């Protein structure tokens, strides 16, 4: 995943993959590929959320010190 990927676009792609799997519109031939991509997207989103949480916590700490 590159640095330009946004949380929103990754999450939207993840939702699309989930819908394909749930509605069984994904071919068995590409199922493993989709599941692998979903795992990558989940990891990316979790990392982005952790980093954002840390940044927000730092900002709040700085504001409380003033």
PDB file of N, CA and C in Angstrom:
ATOM      1  N   UNK A   1       0.858  -1.166   0.000  1.00  0.00           N
ATOM      2  CA  UNK A   1       0.000   0.000   0.000  1.00  0.00           C
ATOM      3  C   UNK A   1       0.907   1.233   0.000  1.00  0.00           C
ATOM      4  N   UNK A   2       0.599   2.204  -0.814  1.00  0.00           N
ATOM      5  CA  UNK A   2       1.464   3.372  -0.884  1.00  0.00           C
ATOM      6  C   UNK A   2       1.030   4.477   0.078  1.00  0.00           C
ATOM      7  N   UNK A   3       1.867   5.490   0.196  1.00  0.00           N
ATOM      8  CA  UNK A   3       1.609   6.591   1.134  1.00  0.00           C
ATOM      9  C   UNK A   3       0.407   7.432   0.712  1.00  0.00           C
ATOM     10  N   UNK A   4       0.043   7.396  -0.563  1.00  0.00           N
ATOM     11  CA  UNK A   4      -1.043   8.232  -1.072  1.00  0.00           C
ATOM     12  C   UNK A   4      -2.428   7.642  -0.778  1.00  0.00           C
ATOM     13  N   UNK A   5      -2.470   6.383  -0.418  1.00  0.00           N
ATOM     14  CA  UNK A   5      -3.750   5.740  -0.134  1.00  0.00           C
ATOM     15  C   UNK A   5      -4.375   6.355   1.110  1.00  0.00           C
ATOM     16  N   UNK A   6      -5.630   6.723   0.998  1.00  0.00           N
ATOM     17  CA  UNK A   6      -6.324   7.297   2.156  1.00  0.00           C
ATOM     18  C   UNK A   6      -7.082   6.201   2.899  1.00  0.00           C
ATOM     19  N   UNK A   7      -7.375   6.485   4.144  1.00  0.00           N
ATOM     20  CA  UNK A   7      -8.158   5.559   4.952  1.00  0.00           C
ATOM     21  C   UNK A   7      -9.504   5.306   4.282  1.00  0.00           C
ATOM     22  N   UNK A   8     -10.117   6.382   3.802  1.00  0.00           N
ATOM     23  CA  UNK A   8     -11.444   6.282   3.206  1.00  0.00           C
ATOM     24  C   UNK A   8     -11.453   5.386   1.966  1.00  0.00           C
ATOM     25  N   UNK A   9     -10.434   5.531   1.104  1.00  0.00           N
ATOM     26  CA  UNK A   9     -10.410   4.698  -0.098  1.00  0.00           C
ATOM     27  C   UNK A   9     -10.123   3.239   0.253  1.00  0.00           C
ATOM     28  N   UNK A  10      -9.256   3.006   1.221  1.00  0.00           N
ATOM     29  CA  UNK A  10      -8.964   1.637   1.659  1.00  0.00           C
ATOM     30  C   UNK A  10     -10.205   1.010   2.275  1.00  0.00           C
ATOM     31  N   UNK A  11     -10.922   1.774   3.092  1.00  0.00           N
ATOM     32  CA  UNK A  11     -12.123   1.266   3.743  1.00  0.00           C
ATOM     33  C   UNK A  11     -13.218   0.973   2.706  1.00  0.00           C
ATOM     34  N   UNK A  12     -13.341   1.850   1.712  1.00  0.00           N
ATOM     35  CA  UNK A  12     -14.338   1.642   0.657  1.00  0.00           C
ATOM     36  C   UNK A  12     -14.023   0.375  -0.133  1.00  0.00           C
ATOM     37  N   UNK A  13     -12.756   0.157  -0.437  1.00  0.00           N
ATOM     38  CA  UNK A  13     -12.368  -1.064  -1.156  1.00  0.00           C
ATOM     39  C   UNK A  13     -12.641  -2.298  -0.307  1.00  0.00           C
ATOM     40  N   UNK A  14     -12.362  -2.200   0.977  1.00  0.00           N
ATOM     41  CA  UNK A  14     -12.620  -3.310   1.892  1.00  0.00           C
ATOM     42  C   UNK A  14     -14.118  -3.634   1.940  1.00  0.00           C
ATOM     43  N   UNK A  15     -14.954  -2.608   1.993  1.00  0.00           N
ATOM     44  CA  UNK A  15     -16.398  -2.827   1.989  1.00  0.00           C
ATOM     45  C   UNK A  15     -16.848  -3.508   0.699  1.00  0.00           C
ATOM     46  N   UNK A  16     -16.267  -3.090  -0.419  1.00  0.00           N
ATOM     47  CA  UNK A  16     -16.615  -3.683  -1.712  1.00  0.00           C
ATOM     48  C   UNK A  16     -16.263  -5.171  -1.735  1.00  0.00           C
ATOM     49  N   UNK A  17     -15.078  -5.491  -1.248  1.00  0.00           N
ATOM     50  CA  UNK A  17     -14.657  -6.897  -1.202  1.00  0.00           C
ATOM     51  C   UNK A  17     -15.584  -7.699  -0.291  1.00  0.00           C
ATOM     52  N   UNK A  18     -15.929  -7.134   0.856  1.00  0.00           N
ATOM     53  CA  UNK A  18     -16.827  -7.821   1.793  1.00  0.00           C
ATOM     54  C   UNK A  18     -18.184  -8.089   1.148  1.00  0.00           C
ATOM     55  N   UNK A  19     -18.713  -7.097   0.424  1.00  0.00           N
ATOM     56  CA  UNK A  19     -20.002  -7.280  -0.260  1.00  0.00           C
ATOM     57  C   UNK A  19     -19.904  -8.391  -1.310  1.00  0.00           C
ATOM     58  N   UNK A  20     -18.792  -8.396  -2.065  1.00  0.00           N
ATOM     59  CA  UNK A  20     -18.609  -9.434  -3.082  1.00  0.00           C
ATOM     60  C   UNK A  20     -18.605 -10.822  -2.459  1.00  0.00           C
ATOM     61  N   UNK A  21     -17.911 -10.947  -1.342  1.00  0.00           N
ATOM     62  CA  UNK A  21     -17.818 -12.250  -0.672  1.00  0.00           C
ATOM     63  C   UNK A  21     -19.166 -12.638  -0.072  1.00  0.00           C
ATOM     64  N   UNK A  22     -19.828 -11.676   0.583  1.00  0.00           N
ATOM     65  CA  UNK A  22     -21.122 -11.961   1.210  1.00  0.00           C
ATOM     66  C   UNK A  22     -22.189 -12.352   0.198  1.00  0.00           C
ATOM     67  N   UNK A  23     -22.186 -11.692  -0.950  1.00  0.00           N
ATOM     68  CA  UNK A  23     -23.215 -11.968  -1.956  1.00  0.00           C
ATOM     69  C   UNK A  23     -22.777 -13.041  -2.952  1.00  0.00           C
ATOM     70  N   UNK A  24     -21.599 -13.588  -2.687  1.00  0.00           N
ATOM     71  CA  UNK A  24     -21.047 -14.668  -3.514  1.00  0.00           C
ATOM     72  C   UNK A  24     -20.902 -14.269  -4.978  1.00  0.00           C
ATOM     73  N   UNK A  25     -20.595 -12.980  -5.225  1.00  0.00           N
ATOM     74  CA  UNK A  25     -20.372 -12.532  -6.597  1.00  0.00           C
ATOM     75  C   UNK A  25     -18.907 -12.643  -6.988  1.00  0.00           C
ATOM     76  N   UNK A  26     -18.072 -13.021  -6.044  1.00  0.00           N
ATOM     77  CA  UNK A  26     -16.656 -13.206  -6.347  1.00  0.00           C
ATOM     78  C   UNK A  26     -16.431 -14.660  -6.769  1.00  0.00           C
ATOM     79  N   UNK A  27     -15.687 -14.810  -7.823  1.00  0.00           N
ATOM     80  CA  UNK A  27     -15.394 -16.140  -8.359  1.00  0.00           C
ATOM     81  C   UNK A  27     -14.497 -16.916  -7.396  1.00  0.00           C
ATOM     82  N   UNK A  28     -14.686 -18.200  -7.350  1.00  0.00           N
ATOM     83  CA  UNK A  28     -13.855 -19.066  -6.525  1.00  0.00           C
ATOM     84  C   UNK A  28     -12.391 -18.931  -6.949  1.00  0.00           C
ATOM     85  N   UNK A  29     -12.168 -18.680  -8.222  1.00  0.00           N
ATOM     86  CA  UNK A  29     -10.812 -18.545  -8.751  1.00  0.00           C
ATOM     87  C   UNK A  29     -10.063 -17.344  -8.177  1.00  0.00           C
ATOM     88  N   UNK A  30     -10.780 -16.320  -7.761  1.00  0.00           N
ATOM     89  CA  UNK A  30     -10.118 -15.117  -7.232  1.00  0.00           C
ATOM     90  C   UNK A  30     -10.412 -14.887  -5.749  1.00  0.00           C
ATOM     91  N   UNK A  31     -11.117 -15.818  -5.124  1.00  0.00           N
ATOM     92  CA  UNK A  31     -11.485 -15.667  -3.716  1.00  0.00           C
ATOM     93  C   UNK A  31     -10.267 -15.478  -2.809  1.00  0.00           C
ATOM     94  N   UNK A  32      -9.263 -16.322  -2.955  1.00  0.00           N
ATOM     95  CA  UNK A  32      -8.068 -16.211  -2.111  1.00  0.00           C
ATOM     96  C   UNK A  32      -7.376 -14.868  -2.327  1.00  0.00           C
ATOM     97  N   UNK A  33      -7.357 -14.408  -3.566  1.00  0.00           N
ATOM     98  CA  UNK A  33      -6.766 -13.111  -3.893  1.00  0.00           C
ATOM     99  C   UNK A  33      -7.513 -11.980  -3.179  1.00  0.00           C
ATOM    100  N   UNK A  34      -8.834 -12.051  -3.191  1.00  0.00           N
ATOM    101  CA  UNK A  34      -9.656 -11.015  -2.536  1.00  0.00           C
ATOM    102  C   UNK A  34      -9.460 -11.036  -1.014  1.00  0.00           C
ATOM    103  N   UNK A  35      -9.401 -12.233  -0.451  1.00  0.00           N
ATOM    104  CA  UNK A  35      -9.208 -12.360   0.999  1.00  0.00           C
ATOM    105  C   UNK A  35      -7.839 -11.808   1.393  1.00  0.00           C
ATOM    106  N   UNK A  36      -6.822 -12.078   0.598  1.00  0.00           N
ATOM    107  CA  UNK A  36      -5.485 -11.545   0.855  1.00  0.00           C
ATOM    108  C   UNK A  36      -5.493 -10.023   0.791  1.00  0.00           C
ATOM    109  N   UNK A  37      -6.152  -9.474  -0.224  1.00  0.00           N
ATOM    110  CA  UNK A  37      -6.244  -8.013  -0.355  1.00  0.00           C
ATOM    111  C   UNK A  37      -7.005  -7.432   0.833  1.00  0.00           C
ATOM    112  N   UNK A  38      -8.061  -8.082   1.257  1.00  0.00           N
ATOM    113  CA  UNK A  38      -8.835  -7.611   2.412  1.00  0.00           C
ATOM    114  C   UNK A  38      -7.958  -7.580   3.656  1.00  0.00           C
ATOM    115  N   UNK A  39      -7.124  -8.587   3.842  1.00  0.00           N
ATOM    116  CA  UNK A  39      -6.222  -8.619   4.996  1.00  0.00           C
ATOM    117  C   UNK A  39      -5.239  -7.443   4.947  1.00  0.00           C
ATOM    118  N   UNK A  40      -4.723  -7.138   3.761  1.00  0.00           N
ATOM    119  CA  UNK A  40      -3.816  -5.995   3.603  1.00  0.00           C
ATOM    120  C   UNK A  40      -4.525  -4.693   3.953  1.00  0.00           C
ATOM    121  N   UNK A  41      -5.754  -4.551   3.481  1.00  0.00           N
ATOM    122  CA  UNK A  41      -6.523  -3.333   3.737  1.00  0.00           C
ATOM    123  C   UNK A  41      -6.843  -3.183   5.224  1.00  0.00           C
ATOM    124  N   UNK A  42      -7.196  -4.277   5.869  1.00  0.00           N
ATOM    125  CA  UNK A  42      -7.486  -4.241   7.304  1.00  0.00           C
ATOM    126  C   UNK A  42      -6.251  -3.795   8.067  1.00  0.00           C
ATOM    127  N   UNK A  43      -5.118  -4.354   7.729  1.00  0.00           N
ATOM    128  CA  UNK A  43      -3.864  -3.984   8.382  1.00  0.00           C
ATOM    129  C   UNK A  43      -3.556  -2.504   8.168  1.00  0.00           C
ATOM    130  N   UNK A  44      -3.729  -2.032   6.944  1.00  0.00           N
ATOM    131  CA  UNK A  44      -3.495  -0.622   6.623  1.00  0.00           C
ATOM    132  C   UNK A  44      -4.408   0.284   7.443  1.00  0.00           C
ATOM    133  N   UNK A  45      -5.695  -0.049   7.484  1.00  0.00           N
ATOM    134  CA  UNK A  45      -6.667   0.769   8.217  1.00  0.00           C
ATOM    135  C   UNK A  45      -6.371   0.780   9.717  1.00  0.00           C
ATOM    136  N   UNK A  46      -6.025  -0.369  10.274  1.00  0.00           N
ATOM    137  CA  UNK A  46      -5.693  -0.431  11.700  1.00  0.00           C
ATOM    138  C   UNK A  46      -4.472   0.424  12.006  1.00  0.00           C
ATOM    139  N   UNK A  47      -3.461   0.352  11.163  1.00  0.00           N
ATOM    140  CA  UNK A  47      -2.249   1.144  11.345  1.00  0.00           C
ATOM    141  C   UNK A  47      -2.566   2.635  11.268  1.00  0.00           C
ATOM    142  N   UNK A  48      -3.370   3.015  10.291  1.00  0.00           N
ATOM    143  CA  UNK A  48      -3.762   4.417  10.124  1.00  0.00           C
ATOM    144  C   UNK A  48      -4.528   4.909  11.360  1.00  0.00           C
ATOM    145  N   UNK A  49      -5.422   4.093  11.883  1.00  0.00           N
ATOM    146  CA  UNK A  49      -6.192   4.471  13.070  1.00  0.00           C
ATOM    147  C   UNK A  49      -5.286   4.616  14.296  1.00  0.00           C
ATOM    148  N   UNK A  50      -4.335   3.686  14.463  1.00  0.00           N
ATOM    149  CA  UNK A  50      -3.399   3.771  15.593  1.00  0.00           C
ATOM    150  C   UNK A  50      -2.572   5.053  15.526  1.00  0.00           C
ATOM    151  N   UNK A  51      -2.057   5.356  14.340  1.00  0.00           N
ATOM    152  CA  UNK A  51      -1.240   6.561  14.170  1.00  0.00           C
ATOM    153  C   UNK A  51      -2.058   7.820  14.436  1.00  0.00           C
ATOM    154  N   UNK A  52      -3.279   7.830  13.951  1.00  0.00           N
ATOM    155  CA  UNK A  52      -4.145   8.983  14.175  1.00  0.00           C
ATOM    156  C   UNK A  52      -4.460   9.145  15.654  1.00  0.00           C
ATOM    157  N   UNK A  53      -4.730   8.049  16.338  1.00  0.00           N
ATOM    158  CA  UNK A  53      -5.009   8.089  17.769  1.00  0.00           C
ATOM    159  C   UNK A  53      -3.813   8.645  18.545  1.00  0.00           C
ATOM    160  N   UNK A  54      -2.609   8.215  18.158  1.00  0.00           N
ATOM    161  CA  UNK A  54      -1.407   8.711  18.825  1.00  0.00           C
ATOM    162  C   UNK A  54      -1.222  10.207  18.583  1.00  0.00           C
ATOM    163  N   UNK A  55      -1.454  10.662  17.349  1.00  0.00           N
ATOM    164  CA  UNK A  55      -1.327  12.081  17.033  1.00  0.00           C
ATOM    165  C   UNK A  55      -2.325  12.916  17.821  1.00  0.00           C
ATOM    166  N   UNK A  56      -3.562  12.448  17.870  1.00  0.00           N
ATOM    167  CA  UNK A  56      -4.601  13.171  18.599  1.00  0.00           C
ATOM    168  C   UNK A  56      -4.256  13.225  20.091  1.00  0.00           C
ATOM    169  N   UNK A  57      -3.769  12.133  20.637  1.00  0.00           N
ATOM    170  CA  UNK A  57      -3.382  12.107  22.049  1.00  0.00           C
ATOM    171  C   UNK A  57      -2.268  13.114  22.331  1.00  0.00           C
ATOM    172  N   UNK A  58      -1.285  13.195  21.440  1.00  0.00           N
ATOM    173  CA  UNK A  58      -0.193  14.154  21.607  1.00  0.00           C
ATOM    174  C   UNK A  58      -0.706  15.585  21.561  1.00  0.00           C
ATOM    175  N   UNK A  59      -1.615  15.841  20.636  1.00  0.00           N
ATOM    176  CA  UNK A  59      -2.179  17.195  20.518  1.00  0.00           C
ATOM    177  C   UNK A  59      -2.945  17.556  21.781  1.00  0.00           C
ATOM    178  N   UNK A  60      -3.728  16.625  22.292  1.00  0.00           N
ATOM    179  CA  UNK A  60      -4.497  16.878  23.520  1.00  0.00           C
ATOM    180  C   UNK A  60      -3.555  17.124  24.692  1.00  0.00           C
ATOM    181  N   UNK A  61      -2.497  16.327  24.783  1.00  0.00           N
ATOM    182  CA  UNK A  61      -1.493  16.528  25.854  1.00  0.00           C
ATOM    183  C   UNK A  61      -0.895  17.914  25.773  1.00  0.00           C
ATOM    184  N   UNK A  62      -0.526  18.349  24.586  1.00  0.00           N
ATOM    185  CA  UNK A  62       0.055  19.675  24.398  1.00  0.00           C
ATOM    186  C   UNK A  62      -0.930  20.769  24.783  1.00  0.00           C
ATOM    187  N   UNK A  63      -2.176  20.571  24.439  1.00  0.00           N
ATOM    188  CA  UNK A  63      -3.200  21.573  24.775  1.00  0.00           C
ATOM    189  C   UNK A  63      -3.418  21.655  26.281  1.00  0.00           C
ATOM    190  N   UNK A  64      -3.347  20.519  26.966  1.00  0.00           N
ATOM    191  CA  UNK A  64      -3.558  20.503  28.404  1.00  0.00           C
ATOM    192  C   UNK A  64      -2.397  21.165  29.151  1.00  0.00           C
ATOM    193  N   UNK A  65      -1.203  21.167  28.562  1.00  0.00           N
ATOM    194  CA  UNK A  65      -0.040  21.766  29.198  1.00  0.00           C
ATOM    195  C   UNK A  65      -0.079  23.290  29.127  1.00  0.00           C
ATOM    196  N   UNK A  66      -0.860  23.829  28.241  1.00  0.00           N
ATOM    197  CA  UNK A  66      -0.923  25.290  28.082  1.00  0.00           C
ATOM    198  C   UNK A  66      -1.797  25.943  29.080  1.00  0.00           C
TER     199      UNK A  66
END
